[in-house]
Amino acid sequence: MKTRSVSCVQLQGDLGTQTVSNSECPDEKPVEQMSCSGACPDVIFRWALSTGASIGTGSVSGGGGSSFSKWSQCSVTCGNGEQTRNVRCEAVAQDGSVTIVFDEMCERLSNESKPIIQRSCTVLPSDNIWITSDWFECSRPCGRGAQKRQVKCVRGCSLRLLGAGQCSRPARPIHHRYCNDFPC
């Protein structure tokens, strides 16, 4: 028998993750126990966010967990559009080391289906939404620089500027990230 702890976490931008109530995760909670016929696997395969936060594990083992990814902004600022998120397949060894592998490994060896990576969204004229500028140039060509972008709260469709407190704080896109994180 293999067991693991499964919890719902929210991405906090560059700050990592925070555990939240299971009701806040849109996907079904992955199983916490699994019986193995014969020997239990030495490596488990799980679907994970491209940021490295786990969103589900295939074989049950210690560690791992469940979280939801941060969806992209809606592709439109008024009407019907699409949102996307990035998901990858990871192989997790018993020592906890993680290797990114081809999606086919999770499709073949995981107990769970690949999470959806695209969904529809609708922005109504009365919705308050976050909009972002493009990322500004990285502050350094190497040696870990920083990038910033503008993030503003606006009224959907009219794009009238609002105060930040009028948009959902958990949905606020990050405005700062690291870049060029390699030696000079």
N, C-alpha and C. Protein backbone atom coordinates (compact mmCIF):
# COMPACT_ATOMS: atom_id res chain seq x y z
N MET A 1 0.86 -1.18 0.00
CA MET A 1 0.00 0.00 0.00
C MET A 1 0.90 1.24 0.00
N LYS A 2 0.58 2.17 -0.88
CA LYS A 2 1.29 3.45 -0.93
C LYS A 2 0.33 4.54 -0.47
N THR A 3 0.84 5.50 0.25
CA THR A 3 0.02 6.63 0.70
C THR A 3 0.76 7.93 0.41
N ARG A 4 0.00 8.99 0.37
CA ARG A 4 0.57 10.32 0.19
C ARG A 4 -0.36 11.34 0.82
N SER A 5 0.17 12.51 1.06
CA SER A 5 -0.62 13.61 1.57
C SER A 5 -1.05 14.45 0.37
N VAL A 6 -2.32 14.81 0.31
CA VAL A 6 -2.85 15.60 -0.79
C VAL A 6 -3.50 16.85 -0.22
N SER A 7 -3.08 18.02 -0.68
CA SER A 7 -3.70 19.25 -0.21
C SER A 7 -3.84 20.22 -1.37
N CYS A 8 -4.73 21.13 -1.22
CA CYS A 8 -4.98 22.16 -2.23
C CYS A 8 -4.11 23.36 -1.89
N VAL A 9 -3.36 23.86 -2.86
CA VAL A 9 -2.52 25.03 -2.62
C VAL A 9 -2.78 26.08 -3.67
N GLN A 10 -2.53 27.33 -3.31
CA GLN A 10 -2.68 28.45 -4.22
C GLN A 10 -1.30 29.01 -4.53
N LEU A 11 -1.04 29.26 -5.81
CA LEU A 11 0.23 29.86 -6.21
C LEU A 11 0.28 31.30 -5.73
N GLN A 12 1.44 31.70 -5.21
CA GLN A 12 1.63 33.06 -4.70
C GLN A 12 2.73 33.78 -5.48
N GLY A 13 2.73 33.65 -6.79
CA GLY A 13 3.75 34.29 -7.62
C GLY A 13 5.14 33.79 -7.26
N ASP A 14 6.08 34.70 -7.07
CA ASP A 14 7.46 34.34 -6.73
C ASP A 14 7.59 33.83 -5.29
N LEU A 15 6.52 33.93 -4.50
CA LEU A 15 6.58 33.56 -3.09
C LEU A 15 6.31 32.09 -2.84
N GLY A 16 5.98 31.32 -3.86
CA GLY A 16 5.72 29.89 -3.70
C GLY A 16 4.24 29.59 -3.63
N THR A 17 3.82 28.77 -2.65
CA THR A 17 2.44 28.35 -2.53
C THR A 17 1.92 28.52 -1.12
N GLN A 18 0.59 28.52 -0.99
CA GLN A 18 -0.06 28.59 0.32
C GLN A 18 -1.18 27.56 0.32
N THR A 19 -1.29 26.74 1.38
CA THR A 19 -2.35 25.75 1.49
C THR A 19 -3.68 26.47 1.72
N VAL A 20 -4.71 26.04 0.95
CA VAL A 20 -6.05 26.62 1.07
C VAL A 20 -7.07 25.50 1.21
N SER A 21 -8.31 25.83 1.43
CA SER A 21 -9.38 24.85 1.59
C SER A 21 -9.55 24.02 0.32
N ASN A 22 -9.85 22.72 0.47
CA ASN A 22 -10.07 21.85 -0.69
C ASN A 22 -11.18 22.37 -1.59
N SER A 23 -12.13 23.11 -1.05
CA SER A 23 -13.24 23.63 -1.85
C SER A 23 -12.76 24.67 -2.87
N GLU A 24 -11.55 25.21 -2.69
CA GLU A 24 -11.02 26.21 -3.61
C GLU A 24 -10.33 25.59 -4.82
N CYS A 25 -10.13 24.27 -4.83
CA CYS A 25 -9.52 23.59 -5.98
C CYS A 25 -10.61 23.15 -6.94
N PRO A 26 -10.50 23.53 -8.21
CA PRO A 26 -11.55 23.21 -9.17
C PRO A 26 -11.54 21.74 -9.61
N ASP A 27 -10.42 21.07 -9.50
CA ASP A 27 -10.32 19.69 -9.96
C ASP A 27 -10.62 18.72 -8.82
N GLU A 28 -11.00 17.49 -9.19
CA GLU A 28 -11.28 16.47 -8.20
C GLU A 28 -10.01 16.13 -7.42
N LYS A 29 -10.16 15.92 -6.13
CA LYS A 29 -9.01 15.63 -5.27
C LYS A 29 -8.41 14.27 -5.65
N PRO A 30 -7.12 14.19 -5.89
CA PRO A 30 -6.48 12.91 -6.21
C PRO A 30 -6.55 11.96 -5.01
N VAL A 31 -6.46 10.66 -5.29
CA VAL A 31 -6.52 9.65 -4.22
C VAL A 31 -5.32 9.79 -3.30
N GLU A 32 -5.51 9.40 -2.03
CA GLU A 32 -4.43 9.48 -1.04
C GLU A 32 -3.81 8.13 -0.76
N GLN A 33 -4.52 7.03 -1.11
CA GLN A 33 -3.99 5.69 -0.90
C GLN A 33 -4.20 4.86 -2.15
N MET A 34 -3.29 3.91 -2.35
CA MET A 34 -3.38 3.02 -3.51
C MET A 34 -2.74 1.69 -3.15
N SER A 35 -3.42 0.62 -3.51
CA SER A 35 -2.80 -0.68 -3.29
C SER A 35 -2.00 -1.03 -4.53
N CYS A 36 -0.87 -1.66 -4.32
CA CYS A 36 0.01 -2.02 -5.42
C CYS A 36 -0.08 -3.53 -5.63
N SER A 37 -0.26 -3.97 -6.85
CA SER A 37 -0.20 -5.41 -7.12
C SER A 37 1.27 -5.75 -7.32
N GLY A 38 1.80 -6.59 -6.45
CA GLY A 38 3.23 -6.88 -6.48
C GLY A 38 3.97 -5.74 -5.80
N ALA A 39 5.11 -5.36 -6.35
CA ALA A 39 5.92 -4.29 -5.76
C ALA A 39 5.35 -2.94 -6.15
N CYS A 40 5.40 -2.01 -5.21
CA CYS A 40 4.97 -0.65 -5.52
C CYS A 40 6.06 0.02 -6.35
N PRO A 41 5.67 0.95 -7.23
CA PRO A 41 6.65 1.56 -8.13
C PRO A 41 7.72 2.39 -7.41
N ASP A 42 8.94 2.36 -7.96
CA ASP A 42 10.04 3.16 -7.41
C ASP A 42 9.96 4.61 -7.88
N VAL A 43 9.30 4.81 -9.03
CA VAL A 43 9.14 6.13 -9.60
C VAL A 43 7.66 6.37 -9.81
N ILE A 44 7.21 7.57 -9.47
CA ILE A 44 5.82 7.92 -9.76
C ILE A 44 5.81 8.99 -10.84
N PHE A 45 4.74 9.03 -11.58
CA PHE A 45 4.58 10.02 -12.64
C PHE A 45 3.40 10.89 -12.26
N ARG A 46 3.59 12.21 -12.36
CA ARG A 46 2.53 13.13 -11.99
C ARG A 46 2.46 14.29 -12.97
N TRP A 47 1.26 14.83 -13.07
CA TRP A 47 1.07 16.05 -13.84
C TRP A 47 1.41 17.22 -12.93
N ALA A 48 2.11 18.20 -13.44
CA ALA A 48 2.52 19.35 -12.63
C ALA A 48 2.42 20.62 -13.45
N LEU A 49 2.29 21.73 -12.76
CA LEU A 49 2.31 23.03 -13.42
C LEU A 49 3.70 23.28 -13.94
N SER A 50 3.82 24.09 -14.98
CA SER A 50 5.14 24.39 -15.50
C SER A 50 5.97 25.15 -14.48
N THR A 51 5.33 25.74 -13.46
CA THR A 51 6.06 26.44 -12.41
C THR A 51 6.63 25.48 -11.38
N GLY A 52 6.27 24.20 -11.47
CA GLY A 52 6.79 23.19 -10.56
C GLY A 52 5.84 22.81 -9.45
N ALA A 53 4.71 23.48 -9.32
CA ALA A 53 3.75 23.10 -8.29
C ALA A 53 2.94 21.90 -8.76
N SER A 54 2.86 20.88 -7.95
CA SER A 54 2.16 19.67 -8.34
C SER A 54 0.66 19.91 -8.45
N ILE A 55 0.04 19.33 -9.47
CA ILE A 55 -1.42 19.40 -9.56
C ILE A 55 -2.01 18.01 -9.61
N GLY A 56 -1.25 17.00 -9.32
CA GLY A 56 -1.79 15.65 -9.28
C GLY A 56 -0.68 14.65 -9.46
N THR A 57 -0.78 13.50 -8.83
CA THR A 57 0.23 12.47 -9.00
C THR A 57 -0.40 11.22 -9.55
N GLY A 58 0.36 10.47 -10.33
CA GLY A 58 -0.15 9.26 -10.96
C GLY A 58 -0.11 8.09 -10.01
N SER A 59 1.06 7.59 -9.68
CA SER A 59 1.18 6.53 -8.69
C SER A 59 1.20 7.19 -7.33
N VAL A 60 0.66 6.53 -6.34
CA VAL A 60 0.57 7.15 -5.02
C VAL A 60 1.85 6.88 -4.26
N SER A 61 2.37 7.89 -3.61
CA SER A 61 3.64 7.79 -2.90
C SER A 61 3.66 8.87 -1.83
N GLY A 62 4.72 8.90 -1.05
CA GLY A 62 4.88 9.98 -0.09
C GLY A 62 5.12 11.28 -0.83
N GLY A 63 4.76 12.38 -0.23
CA GLY A 63 4.97 13.68 -0.86
C GLY A 63 3.92 13.96 -1.90
N GLY A 64 4.23 14.86 -2.80
CA GLY A 64 3.27 15.23 -3.83
C GLY A 64 2.17 16.07 -3.21
N GLY A 65 1.16 16.36 -3.98
CA GLY A 65 0.05 17.13 -3.46
C GLY A 65 -0.82 17.59 -4.59
N SER A 66 -1.81 18.34 -4.30
CA SER A 66 -2.72 18.82 -5.32
C SER A 66 -2.79 20.32 -5.23
N SER A 67 -2.79 20.96 -6.37
CA SER A 67 -2.99 22.39 -6.40
C SER A 67 -3.65 22.74 -7.71
N PHE A 68 -4.09 23.97 -7.85
CA PHE A 68 -4.63 24.37 -9.12
C PHE A 68 -3.69 25.39 -9.72
N SER A 69 -3.64 25.40 -11.04
CA SER A 69 -2.73 26.34 -11.67
C SER A 69 -3.39 27.70 -11.78
N LYS A 70 -2.58 28.68 -11.96
CA LYS A 70 -3.10 30.01 -12.21
C LYS A 70 -3.36 30.08 -13.71
N TRP A 71 -4.60 30.28 -14.07
CA TRP A 71 -4.97 30.40 -15.48
C TRP A 71 -4.48 31.74 -16.02
N SER A 72 -4.23 31.78 -17.32
CA SER A 72 -3.87 33.04 -17.96
C SER A 72 -5.06 33.99 -17.88
N GLN A 73 -4.81 35.24 -18.16
CA GLN A 73 -5.91 36.20 -18.26
C GLN A 73 -6.80 35.75 -19.41
N CYS A 74 -8.04 36.16 -19.38
CA CYS A 74 -8.94 35.89 -20.51
C CYS A 74 -8.34 36.58 -21.74
N SER A 75 -8.46 35.94 -22.88
CA SER A 75 -7.84 36.46 -24.11
C SER A 75 -8.52 37.74 -24.62
N VAL A 76 -9.66 38.08 -24.05
CA VAL A 76 -10.37 39.31 -24.44
C VAL A 76 -10.66 40.15 -23.20
N THR A 77 -10.89 41.43 -23.39
CA THR A 77 -11.28 42.29 -22.27
C THR A 77 -12.78 42.55 -22.29
N CYS A 78 -13.48 41.98 -23.26
CA CYS A 78 -14.94 42.10 -23.32
C CYS A 78 -15.48 40.96 -24.17
N GLY A 79 -16.45 40.22 -23.64
CA GLY A 79 -17.07 39.14 -24.40
C GLY A 79 -16.48 37.78 -24.07
N ASN A 80 -16.56 36.86 -25.06
CA ASN A 80 -16.11 35.48 -24.87
C ASN A 80 -14.68 35.28 -25.37
N GLY A 81 -13.87 34.61 -24.56
CA GLY A 81 -12.48 34.35 -24.93
C GLY A 81 -12.02 33.03 -24.38
N GLU A 82 -10.71 32.87 -24.25
CA GLU A 82 -10.12 31.63 -23.74
C GLU A 82 -9.05 31.94 -22.71
N GLN A 83 -8.84 30.97 -21.82
CA GLN A 83 -7.75 31.01 -20.85
C GLN A 83 -6.94 29.73 -21.03
N THR A 84 -5.65 29.81 -20.75
CA THR A 84 -4.78 28.63 -20.86
C THR A 84 -3.89 28.51 -19.62
N ARG A 85 -3.32 27.33 -19.45
CA ARG A 85 -2.32 27.10 -18.42
C ARG A 85 -1.37 26.04 -18.95
N ASN A 86 -0.16 26.01 -18.40
CA ASN A 86 0.85 25.05 -18.83
C ASN A 86 0.95 23.92 -17.82
N VAL A 87 0.99 22.69 -18.33
CA VAL A 87 1.09 21.49 -17.51
C VAL A 87 2.20 20.63 -18.10
N ARG A 88 2.95 19.95 -17.24
CA ARG A 88 4.01 19.06 -17.73
C ARG A 88 3.96 17.75 -16.94
N CYS A 89 4.65 16.75 -17.45
CA CYS A 89 4.75 15.45 -16.78
C CYS A 89 6.08 15.38 -16.04
N GLU A 90 6.02 14.92 -14.77
CA GLU A 90 7.23 14.77 -13.96
C GLU A 90 7.35 13.33 -13.47
N ALA A 91 8.59 12.85 -13.41
CA ALA A 91 8.90 11.56 -12.79
C ALA A 91 9.54 11.87 -11.45
N VAL A 92 8.98 11.31 -10.38
CA VAL A 92 9.48 11.57 -9.03
C VAL A 92 10.05 10.28 -8.46
N ALA A 93 11.36 10.27 -8.18
CA ALA A 93 12.03 9.10 -7.60
C ALA A 93 11.76 9.03 -6.11
N GLN A 94 12.02 7.86 -5.51
CA GLN A 94 11.79 7.69 -4.08
C GLN A 94 12.61 8.66 -3.24
N ASP A 95 13.76 9.11 -3.75
CA ASP A 95 14.59 10.06 -2.99
C ASP A 95 14.06 11.50 -3.11
N GLY A 96 12.96 11.67 -3.87
CA GLY A 96 12.35 12.99 -4.01
C GLY A 96 12.82 13.78 -5.21
N SER A 97 13.83 13.28 -5.92
CA SER A 97 14.31 14.01 -7.09
C SER A 97 13.26 13.98 -8.20
N VAL A 98 13.16 15.08 -8.92
CA VAL A 98 12.14 15.25 -9.95
C VAL A 98 12.80 15.46 -11.30
N THR A 99 12.30 14.75 -12.31
CA THR A 99 12.78 14.90 -13.68
C THR A 99 11.59 15.19 -14.58
N ILE A 100 11.71 16.18 -15.44
CA ILE A 100 10.66 16.46 -16.41
C ILE A 100 10.78 15.44 -17.54
N VAL A 101 9.67 14.79 -17.87
CA VAL A 101 9.66 13.76 -18.90
C VAL A 101 8.57 14.07 -19.93
N PHE A 102 8.55 13.31 -21.00
CA PHE A 102 7.54 13.50 -22.04
C PHE A 102 6.14 13.22 -21.50
N ASP A 103 5.15 13.98 -21.97
CA ASP A 103 3.76 13.79 -21.54
C ASP A 103 3.29 12.35 -21.70
N GLU A 104 3.81 11.66 -22.70
CA GLU A 104 3.39 10.28 -22.96
C GLU A 104 3.62 9.37 -21.75
N MET A 105 4.63 9.69 -20.92
CA MET A 105 4.90 8.87 -19.73
C MET A 105 3.73 8.97 -18.75
N CYS A 106 3.24 10.17 -18.50
CA CYS A 106 2.09 10.34 -17.60
C CYS A 106 0.82 9.77 -18.22
N GLU A 107 0.68 9.96 -19.54
CA GLU A 107 -0.51 9.43 -20.21
C GLU A 107 -0.55 7.91 -20.10
N ARG A 108 0.60 7.27 -20.14
CA ARG A 108 0.67 5.81 -20.09
C ARG A 108 0.73 5.25 -18.67
N LEU A 109 1.42 5.93 -17.76
CA LEU A 109 1.71 5.36 -16.45
C LEU A 109 1.03 6.05 -15.28
N SER A 110 0.27 7.10 -15.53
CA SER A 110 -0.40 7.82 -14.46
C SER A 110 -1.81 7.28 -14.26
N ASN A 111 -2.31 7.36 -13.04
CA ASN A 111 -3.69 6.96 -12.75
C ASN A 111 -4.67 8.07 -13.08
N GLU A 112 -4.18 9.25 -13.41
CA GLU A 112 -5.04 10.41 -13.61
C GLU A 112 -4.89 10.97 -15.02
N SER A 113 -5.97 11.56 -15.50
CA SER A 113 -5.96 12.19 -16.82
C SER A 113 -5.22 13.51 -16.75
N LYS A 114 -4.69 13.92 -17.88
CA LYS A 114 -4.01 15.22 -17.94
C LYS A 114 -5.03 16.32 -17.67
N PRO A 115 -4.73 17.23 -16.76
CA PRO A 115 -5.66 18.33 -16.47
C PRO A 115 -5.89 19.18 -17.73
N ILE A 116 -7.05 19.78 -17.81
CA ILE A 116 -7.33 20.61 -18.98
C ILE A 116 -6.36 21.79 -19.02
N ILE A 117 -6.00 22.19 -20.22
CA ILE A 117 -5.04 23.29 -20.37
C ILE A 117 -5.67 24.50 -21.05
N GLN A 118 -6.95 24.37 -21.42
CA GLN A 118 -7.64 25.47 -22.08
C GLN A 118 -9.10 25.46 -21.63
N ARG A 119 -9.65 26.64 -21.38
CA ARG A 119 -11.07 26.74 -21.03
C ARG A 119 -11.61 28.07 -21.54
N SER A 120 -12.92 28.13 -21.68
CA SER A 120 -13.53 29.37 -22.15
C SER A 120 -13.72 30.32 -20.97
N CYS A 121 -13.80 31.59 -21.27
CA CYS A 121 -14.03 32.61 -20.25
C CYS A 121 -14.89 33.70 -20.87
N THR A 122 -15.59 34.41 -20.03
CA THR A 122 -16.44 35.51 -20.48
C THR A 122 -16.19 36.71 -19.59
N VAL A 123 -15.97 37.86 -20.21
CA VAL A 123 -15.81 39.11 -19.48
C VAL A 123 -17.05 39.95 -19.78
N LEU A 124 -17.81 40.25 -18.75
CA LEU A 124 -19.03 41.03 -18.89
C LEU A 124 -18.72 42.51 -18.71
N PRO A 125 -19.56 43.39 -19.27
CA PRO A 125 -19.32 44.83 -19.11
C PRO A 125 -19.24 45.26 -17.65
N SER A 126 -19.90 44.52 -16.75
CA SER A 126 -19.91 44.90 -15.33
C SER A 126 -18.76 44.27 -14.53
N ASP A 127 -17.96 43.41 -15.16
CA ASP A 127 -16.86 42.74 -14.45
C ASP A 127 -15.69 43.69 -14.21
N ASN A 128 -15.09 43.56 -13.04
CA ASN A 128 -13.83 44.25 -12.77
C ASN A 128 -12.72 43.25 -13.03
N ILE A 129 -11.78 43.58 -13.88
CA ILE A 129 -10.73 42.64 -14.28
C ILE A 129 -9.35 43.27 -14.16
N TRP A 130 -8.34 42.41 -14.06
CA TRP A 130 -6.94 42.86 -14.08
C TRP A 130 -6.46 42.84 -15.52
N ILE A 131 -5.75 43.86 -15.93
CA ILE A 131 -5.06 43.85 -17.22
C ILE A 131 -3.59 44.13 -16.96
N THR A 132 -2.74 43.64 -17.86
CA THR A 132 -1.29 43.82 -17.68
C THR A 132 -0.67 44.38 -18.94
N SER A 133 0.45 45.06 -18.74
CA SER A 133 1.27 45.49 -19.87
C SER A 133 2.19 44.31 -20.22
N ASP A 134 2.94 44.44 -21.28
CA ASP A 134 3.99 43.47 -21.57
C ASP A 134 5.08 43.63 -20.51
N TRP A 135 5.91 42.60 -20.37
CA TRP A 135 7.04 42.69 -19.43
C TRP A 135 8.06 43.67 -19.96
N PHE A 136 8.59 44.52 -19.08
CA PHE A 136 9.67 45.42 -19.45
C PHE A 136 10.95 44.61 -19.59
N GLU A 137 11.97 45.19 -20.19
CA GLU A 137 13.25 44.51 -20.41
C GLU A 137 13.86 44.08 -19.08
N CYS A 138 14.57 42.95 -19.11
CA CYS A 138 15.24 42.45 -17.91
C CYS A 138 16.31 43.47 -17.47
N SER A 139 16.44 43.66 -16.16
CA SER A 139 17.37 44.66 -15.63
C SER A 139 18.84 44.28 -15.80
N ARG A 140 19.12 42.99 -16.05
CA ARG A 140 20.50 42.53 -16.23
C ARG A 140 20.55 41.50 -17.35
N PRO A 141 21.65 41.48 -18.13
CA PRO A 141 21.75 40.49 -19.21
C PRO A 141 22.07 39.08 -18.69
N CYS A 142 22.56 39.00 -17.44
CA CYS A 142 22.89 37.71 -16.81
C CYS A 142 23.02 37.94 -15.31
N GLY A 143 23.16 36.86 -14.54
CA GLY A 143 23.36 37.01 -13.11
C GLY A 143 22.09 37.37 -12.35
N ARG A 144 20.96 36.96 -12.81
CA ARG A 144 19.65 37.14 -12.20
C ARG A 144 19.21 38.59 -12.13
N GLY A 145 18.49 38.98 -13.15
CA GLY A 145 17.90 40.31 -13.17
C GLY A 145 16.45 40.25 -12.75
N ALA A 146 15.76 41.35 -12.95
CA ALA A 146 14.35 41.43 -12.60
C ALA A 146 13.58 42.09 -13.74
N GLN A 147 12.33 41.71 -13.87
CA GLN A 147 11.44 42.31 -14.85
C GLN A 147 10.19 42.78 -14.12
N LYS A 148 9.62 43.86 -14.61
CA LYS A 148 8.38 44.38 -14.06
C LYS A 148 7.40 44.60 -15.21
N ARG A 149 6.13 44.69 -14.84
CA ARG A 149 5.08 45.07 -15.78
C ARG A 149 4.00 45.79 -14.99
N GLN A 150 3.18 46.53 -15.71
CA GLN A 150 2.08 47.23 -15.07
C GLN A 150 0.89 46.28 -14.93
N VAL A 151 0.23 46.34 -13.79
CA VAL A 151 -0.98 45.57 -13.52
C VAL A 151 -2.03 46.55 -13.05
N LYS A 152 -3.16 46.61 -13.76
CA LYS A 152 -4.20 47.59 -13.41
C LYS A 152 -5.56 46.91 -13.33
N CYS A 153 -6.38 47.44 -12.45
CA CYS A 153 -7.75 46.99 -12.28
C CYS A 153 -8.64 47.90 -13.12
N VAL A 154 -9.44 47.30 -14.00
CA VAL A 154 -10.33 48.08 -14.88
C VAL A 154 -11.73 47.47 -14.91
N ARG A 155 -12.68 48.27 -15.35
CA ARG A 155 -14.06 47.80 -15.58
C ARG A 155 -14.07 47.11 -16.94
N GLY A 156 -14.58 45.87 -16.99
CA GLY A 156 -14.63 45.11 -18.24
C GLY A 156 -15.31 45.90 -19.34
N CYS A 157 -14.90 45.69 -20.55
CA CYS A 157 -15.41 46.31 -21.78
C CYS A 157 -15.07 47.79 -21.89
N SER A 158 -15.38 48.61 -20.89
CA SER A 158 -15.09 50.04 -21.00
C SER A 158 -13.61 50.32 -20.70
N LEU A 159 -12.96 49.41 -19.96
CA LEU A 159 -11.57 49.54 -19.54
C LEU A 159 -11.32 50.79 -18.69
N ARG A 160 -12.37 51.26 -18.00
CA ARG A 160 -12.24 52.41 -17.10
C ARG A 160 -11.38 52.00 -15.91
N LEU A 161 -10.35 52.79 -15.62
CA LEU A 161 -9.42 52.50 -14.53
C LEU A 161 -10.12 52.57 -13.18
N LEU A 162 -9.90 51.53 -12.34
CA LEU A 162 -10.49 51.45 -11.01
C LEU A 162 -9.37 51.33 -9.98
N GLY A 163 -9.71 51.43 -8.72
CA GLY A 163 -8.74 51.19 -7.65
C GLY A 163 -8.46 49.70 -7.54
N ALA A 164 -7.25 49.34 -7.13
CA ALA A 164 -6.85 47.93 -7.02
C ALA A 164 -7.77 47.14 -6.11
N GLY A 165 -8.36 47.76 -5.10
CA GLY A 165 -9.25 47.08 -4.17
C GLY A 165 -10.57 46.64 -4.79
N GLN A 166 -10.85 47.09 -6.00
CA GLN A 166 -12.10 46.73 -6.65
C GLN A 166 -12.00 45.47 -7.52
N CYS A 167 -10.80 44.89 -7.62
CA CYS A 167 -10.60 43.63 -8.34
C CYS A 167 -10.23 42.54 -7.34
N SER A 168 -10.42 41.30 -7.72
CA SER A 168 -10.12 40.16 -6.85
C SER A 168 -8.62 40.08 -6.57
N ARG A 169 -8.25 40.18 -5.30
CA ARG A 169 -6.83 40.12 -4.93
C ARG A 169 -6.17 38.79 -5.30
N PRO A 170 -6.80 37.62 -5.03
CA PRO A 170 -6.14 36.35 -5.40
C PRO A 170 -5.92 36.21 -6.91
N ALA A 171 -6.74 36.88 -7.70
CA ALA A 171 -6.61 36.77 -9.16
C ALA A 171 -5.60 37.76 -9.74
N ARG A 172 -5.02 38.62 -8.89
CA ARG A 172 -4.10 39.65 -9.39
C ARG A 172 -2.85 39.00 -10.00
N PRO A 173 -2.55 39.30 -11.27
CA PRO A 173 -1.34 38.75 -11.89
C PRO A 173 -0.09 39.32 -11.22
N ILE A 174 1.00 38.56 -11.27
CA ILE A 174 2.25 39.05 -10.69
C ILE A 174 2.76 40.24 -11.50
N HIS A 175 3.44 41.15 -10.84
CA HIS A 175 3.98 42.33 -11.53
C HIS A 175 5.51 42.34 -11.52
N HIS A 176 6.13 41.35 -10.89
CA HIS A 176 7.59 41.28 -10.77
C HIS A 176 8.01 39.83 -10.93
N ARG A 177 9.07 39.60 -11.69
CA ARG A 177 9.62 38.25 -11.81
C ARG A 177 11.11 38.33 -12.07
N TYR A 178 11.80 37.24 -11.77
CA TYR A 178 13.23 37.16 -12.04
C TYR A 178 13.46 36.72 -13.47
N CYS A 179 14.60 37.11 -14.03
CA CYS A 179 14.92 36.76 -15.41
C CYS A 179 16.45 36.60 -15.54
N ASN A 180 16.87 35.99 -16.62
CA ASN A 180 18.30 35.78 -16.91
C ASN A 180 19.05 35.24 -15.69
N ASP A 181 18.49 34.21 -15.10
CA ASP A 181 19.05 33.62 -13.87
C ASP A 181 20.13 32.60 -14.20
N PHE A 182 21.19 33.09 -14.83
CA PHE A 182 22.35 32.24 -15.15
C PHE A 182 23.61 33.08 -14.97
N PRO A 183 24.74 32.41 -14.70
CA PRO A 183 25.97 33.17 -14.45
C PRO A 183 26.41 34.00 -15.65
N CYS A 184 27.10 35.10 -15.37
CA CYS A 184 27.66 35.95 -16.44
C CYS A 184 28.93 35.34 -16.99
